[in-house]
Amino acid sequence: MAEFVIEAQKISPSHRHSFIFQSFDNLEGGDSIVIENNHDPLPLLRQFKEVRTDQFTHEYLEQGPDVWRLKITKTKKEGCCGFCGG
């Protein structure tokens, strides 16, 4: 299981969410991205819940006040070996 770190504040705001979603979509089942930011990425998490329903789990690794770290893991489909990215 791989884990990739994305320093969100270093990405242009106009491209930030699309970059994070593209990175998530490229994950294999069971892999994770950790979003590091200088504020709570709650809007991003809400967007994930709307457009990637049942495709991920999440947990906060750090909750401020200066650094927020949110781990988003791509779930495997039932019976999936994880190689298809499902």
C-alpha atoms as a PDB file:
ATOM      1  CA  MET A   1       0.000   0.000   0.000  1.00  0.00           C
ATOM      2  CA  ALA A   2       1.536   3.249  -1.158  1.00  0.00           C
ATOM      3  CA  GLU A   3       1.058   6.648   0.455  1.00  0.00           C
ATOM      4  CA  PHE A   4       1.608   9.902  -1.419  1.00  0.00           C
ATOM      5  CA  VAL A   5       1.894  13.338   0.192  1.00  0.00           C
ATOM      6  CA  ILE A   6       0.397  16.397  -1.475  1.00  0.00           C
ATOM      7  CA  GLU A   7       1.376  19.799  -0.083  1.00  0.00           C
ATOM      8  CA  ALA A   8      -1.839  21.548  -1.095  1.00  0.00           C
ATOM      9  CA  GLN A   9      -0.752  25.114  -0.327  1.00  0.00           C
ATOM     10  CA  LYS A  10       2.006  24.781  -2.966  1.00  0.00           C
ATOM     11  CA  ILE A  11      -0.572  24.167  -5.732  1.00  0.00           C
ATOM     12  CA  SER A  12      -2.351  27.063  -7.407  1.00  0.00           C
ATOM     13  CA  PRO A  13      -5.844  27.422  -5.865  1.00  0.00           C
ATOM     14  CA  SER A  14      -7.459  27.239  -9.310  1.00  0.00           C
ATOM     15  CA  HIS A  15      -5.897  23.791  -9.926  1.00  0.00           C
ATOM     16  CA  ARG A  16      -5.698  22.397  -6.387  1.00  0.00           C
ATOM     17  CA  HIS A  17      -8.852  20.271  -6.191  1.00  0.00           C
ATOM     18  CA  SER A  18      -8.566  18.939  -9.736  1.00  0.00           C
ATOM     19  CA  PHE A  19      -4.941  17.924  -9.067  1.00  0.00           C
ATOM     20  CA  ILE A  20      -5.944  16.135  -5.858  1.00  0.00           C
ATOM     21  CA  PHE A  21      -8.834  14.310  -7.548  1.00  0.00           C
ATOM     22  CA  GLN A  22      -6.630  13.285 -10.471  1.00  0.00           C
ATOM     23  CA  SER A  23      -4.030  11.997  -8.005  1.00  0.00           C
ATOM     24  CA  PHE A  24      -6.728  10.048  -6.154  1.00  0.00           C
ATOM     25  CA  ASP A  25      -8.085   8.575  -9.383  1.00  0.00           C
ATOM     26  CA  ASN A  26      -4.598   7.312 -10.254  1.00  0.00           C
ATOM     27  CA  LEU A  27      -4.285   5.396  -6.968  1.00  0.00           C
ATOM     28  CA  GLU A  28      -4.588   1.633  -6.724  1.00  0.00           C
ATOM     29  CA  GLY A  29      -7.146   0.270  -4.262  1.00  0.00           C
ATOM     30  CA  GLY A  30      -5.662   0.494  -0.762  1.00  0.00           C
ATOM     31  CA  ASP A  31      -3.275   3.348  -1.621  1.00  0.00           C
ATOM     32  CA  SER A  32      -3.548   6.733   0.080  1.00  0.00           C
ATOM     33  CA  ILE A  33      -2.881  10.395  -0.411  1.00  0.00           C
ATOM     34  CA  VAL A  34      -2.089  12.636   2.537  1.00  0.00           C
ATOM     35  CA  ILE A  35      -3.120  16.226   1.992  1.00  0.00           C
ATOM     36  CA  GLU A  36      -1.036  18.687   3.988  1.00  0.00           C
ATOM     37  CA  ASN A  37      -2.482  22.169   4.254  1.00  0.00           C
ATOM     38  CA  ASN A  38      -2.433  25.309   6.375  1.00  0.00           C
ATOM     39  CA  HIS A  39      -6.188  25.092   7.043  1.00  0.00           C
ATOM     40  CA  ASP A  40      -8.819  22.396   7.479  1.00  0.00           C
ATOM     41  CA  PRO A  41      -9.470  20.804   4.044  1.00  0.00           C
ATOM     42  CA  LEU A  42     -13.141  20.351   4.917  1.00  0.00           C
ATOM     43  CA  PRO A  43     -14.448  21.746   1.570  1.00  0.00           C
ATOM     44  CA  LEU A  44     -12.298  19.181  -0.248  1.00  0.00           C
ATOM     45  CA  LEU A  45     -13.601  16.405   1.994  1.00  0.00           C
ATOM     46  CA  ARG A  46     -17.201  17.470   1.301  1.00  0.00           C
ATOM     47  CA  GLN A  47     -16.478  17.389  -2.422  1.00  0.00           C
ATOM     48  CA  PHE A  48     -15.016  13.881  -2.104  1.00  0.00           C
ATOM     49  CA  LYS A  49     -18.181  12.743  -0.305  1.00  0.00           C
ATOM     50  CA  GLU A  50     -20.288  14.134  -3.167  1.00  0.00           C
ATOM     51  CA  VAL A  51     -18.347  12.894  -6.194  1.00  0.00           C
ATOM     52  CA  ARG A  52     -16.443   9.822  -4.950  1.00  0.00           C
ATOM     53  CA  THR A  53     -19.106   8.355  -2.670  1.00  0.00           C
ATOM     54  CA  ASP A  54     -18.102   4.955  -1.229  1.00  0.00           C
ATOM     55  CA  GLN A  55     -14.724   5.068  -2.979  1.00  0.00           C
ATOM     56  CA  PHE A  56     -12.610   6.214  -0.039  1.00  0.00           C
ATOM     57  CA  THR A  57     -12.051   6.340   3.681  1.00  0.00           C
ATOM     58  CA  HIS A  58     -10.488   9.277   5.484  1.00  0.00           C
ATOM     59  CA  GLU A  59      -8.825  10.192   8.733  1.00  0.00           C
ATOM     60  CA  TYR A  60      -7.236  13.317  10.102  1.00  0.00           C
ATOM     61  CA  LEU A  61      -3.601  12.732  11.033  1.00  0.00           C
ATOM     62  CA  GLU A  62      -3.152  16.281  12.328  1.00  0.00           C
ATOM     63  CA  GLN A  63      -5.744  18.977  13.005  1.00  0.00           C
ATOM     64  CA  GLY A  64      -4.033  22.346  13.216  1.00  0.00           C
ATOM     65  CA  PRO A  65      -3.784  24.980  14.267  1.00  0.00           C
ATOM     66  CA  ASP A  66      -0.923  25.545  11.803  1.00  0.00           C
ATOM     67  CA  VAL A  67      -0.810  22.256   9.885  1.00  0.00           C
ATOM     68  CA  TRP A  68      -3.662  20.004   8.825  1.00  0.00           C
ATOM     69  CA  ARG A  69      -3.010  16.516   7.457  1.00  0.00           C
ATOM     70  CA  LEU A  70      -5.881  14.505   5.982  1.00  0.00           C
ATOM     71  CA  LYS A  71      -5.321  10.946   4.799  1.00  0.00           C
ATOM     72  CA  ILE A  72      -7.652   9.728   2.044  1.00  0.00           C
ATOM     73  CA  THR A  73      -7.449   6.042   1.163  1.00  0.00           C
ATOM     74  CA  LYS A  74      -8.944   4.566  -1.986  1.00  0.00           C
ATOM     75  CA  THR A  75     -11.077   1.601  -1.021  1.00  0.00           C
ATOM     76  CA  LYS A  76     -10.913  -1.724  -2.815  1.00  0.00           C
ATOM     77  CA  LYS A  77     -14.004  -3.221  -4.321  1.00  0.00           C
ATOM     78  CA  GLU A  78     -15.212  -6.345  -2.536  1.00  0.00           C
ATOM     79  CA  GLY A  79     -13.135  -9.274  -3.710  1.00  0.00           C
ATOM     80  CA  CYS A  80     -10.761  -6.958  -5.557  1.00  0.00           C
ATOM     81  CA  CYS A  81      -7.049  -7.740  -5.568  1.00  0.00           C
ATOM     82  CA  GLY A  82      -6.260  -4.019  -5.889  1.00  0.00           C
ATOM     83  CA  PHE A  83      -4.393  -4.192  -9.183  1.00  0.00           C
ATOM     84  CA  CYS A  84      -7.113  -2.614 -11.300  1.00  0.00           C
ATOM     85  CA  GLY A  85      -7.330   0.501  -9.144  1.00  0.00           C
ATOM     86  CA  GLY A  86     -10.881  -0.399  -8.142  1.00  0.00           C
END
